[in-house]
Amino acid sequence: APAGRRFIFVGDNGASEKDLDAAERITRRHPGLVRAVFMHAVSPGATAAPLPPDGELHGVPLRYFRTYASAAAKAHQLGLIGRGALARG
């Protein structure tokens, strides 16, 4: 990655998805590269599965979301986006 650049990892947590495993490996192998991990909580059926609790991966905030609006709200809480960007959502 270019010097000074940090990234936000966004993925899905579905049963067939490997995104959380990838995020775990990236945050472990490259400390300081990822500012936050956002996982879209998907459900296999029509009924929404329980939303997993937010946490951390190797010191990196891990946030679960169902909608992009809720992801934006969590990004704002972490200081990743400003109020103006949140209002546009």
Protein backbone atom coordinates (compact mmCIF):
# COMPACT_ATOMS: atom_id res chain seq x y z
CA ALA A 1 0.00 0.00 0.00
CA PRO A 2 1.21 3.53 -0.63
CA ALA A 3 2.77 5.20 2.39
CA GLY A 4 0.25 6.76 4.71
CA ARG A 5 -2.76 4.99 3.19
CA ARG A 6 -5.12 2.98 5.35
CA PHE A 7 -8.15 1.00 4.26
CA ILE A 8 -11.64 0.01 5.37
CA PHE A 9 -12.50 -3.64 4.76
CA VAL A 10 -16.14 -4.34 3.79
CA GLY A 11 -17.49 -7.85 3.37
CA ASP A 12 -20.36 -10.26 3.99
CA ASN A 13 -20.75 -12.78 6.78
CA GLY A 14 -22.92 -15.32 4.93
CA ALA A 15 -22.43 -19.05 5.48
CA SER A 16 -20.44 -19.47 2.25
CA GLU A 17 -18.47 -16.24 2.63
CA LYS A 18 -14.81 -16.15 3.62
CA ASP A 19 -14.69 -12.38 4.14
CA LEU A 20 -14.37 -12.47 7.93
CA ASP A 21 -11.50 -14.96 7.66
CA ALA A 22 -9.81 -12.70 5.09
CA ALA A 23 -10.26 -9.64 7.33
CA GLU A 24 -8.82 -11.54 10.29
CA ARG A 25 -5.72 -12.54 8.31
CA ILE A 26 -5.19 -9.07 6.85
CA THR A 27 -5.48 -7.31 10.22
CA ARG A 28 -3.14 -9.84 11.83
CA ARG A 29 -0.49 -9.77 9.08
CA HIS A 30 -0.59 -6.03 8.36
CA PRO A 31 -1.05 -4.09 11.61
CA GLY A 32 -2.08 -0.49 11.04
CA LEU A 33 -3.19 -1.02 7.44
CA VAL A 34 -6.93 -1.38 8.10
CA ARG A 35 -8.87 1.34 9.97
CA ALA A 36 -12.07 -0.69 10.39
CA VAL A 37 -13.81 -3.87 9.26
CA PHE A 38 -17.49 -3.70 8.30
CA MET A 39 -19.39 -6.94 7.78
CA HIS A 40 -22.78 -6.99 6.09
CA ALA A 41 -24.92 -9.35 8.17
CA VAL A 42 -26.73 -11.57 5.69
CA SER A 43 -29.35 -14.22 6.47
CA PRO A 44 -29.92 -17.46 4.53
CA GLY A 45 -33.72 -17.07 4.60
CA ALA A 46 -36.40 -14.42 4.65
CA THR A 47 -36.10 -13.99 8.43
CA ALA A 48 -33.16 -11.90 9.61
CA ALA A 49 -30.64 -13.78 11.73
CA PRO A 50 -29.50 -12.11 14.96
CA LEU A 51 -27.00 -9.32 14.35
CA PRO A 52 -23.59 -10.43 15.69
CA PRO A 53 -22.09 -8.17 18.35
CA ASP A 54 -19.58 -5.54 17.26
CA GLY A 55 -16.02 -6.10 18.44
CA GLU A 56 -12.40 -5.94 17.33
CA LEU A 57 -9.98 -7.90 15.15
CA HIS A 58 -6.40 -7.44 16.34
CA GLY A 59 -7.24 -3.99 17.67
CA VAL A 60 -9.24 -2.96 14.58
CA PRO A 61 -12.91 -2.07 15.06
CA LEU A 62 -15.27 -4.76 13.69
CA ARG A 63 -18.79 -3.54 12.97
CA TYR A 64 -21.76 -5.56 11.69
CA PHE A 65 -24.56 -3.92 9.72
CA ARG A 66 -27.76 -4.83 7.89
CA THR A 67 -28.25 -1.60 5.89
CA TYR A 68 -25.87 0.87 4.34
CA ALA A 69 -27.46 3.61 6.46
CA SER A 70 -26.53 1.71 9.64
CA ALA A 71 -23.02 1.13 8.27
CA ALA A 72 -22.70 4.88 7.66
CA ALA A 73 -23.89 5.63 11.21
CA LYS A 74 -21.28 3.25 12.62
CA ALA A 75 -18.59 4.74 10.37
CA HIS A 76 -19.53 8.19 11.68
CA GLN A 77 -19.31 6.96 15.29
CA LEU A 78 -15.78 5.75 14.54
CA GLY A 79 -14.82 9.10 13.02
CA LEU A 80 -14.40 7.63 9.54
CA ILE A 81 -16.93 9.90 7.85
CA GLY A 82 -18.19 13.36 8.72
CA ARG A 83 -21.69 14.52 9.58
CA GLY A 84 -22.20 15.82 6.03
CA ALA A 85 -21.54 12.41 4.52
CA LEU A 86 -23.89 10.83 7.03
CA ALA A 87 -26.66 13.30 6.13
CA ARG A 88 -26.36 12.43 2.43
CA GLY A 89 -27.18 8.77 3.18
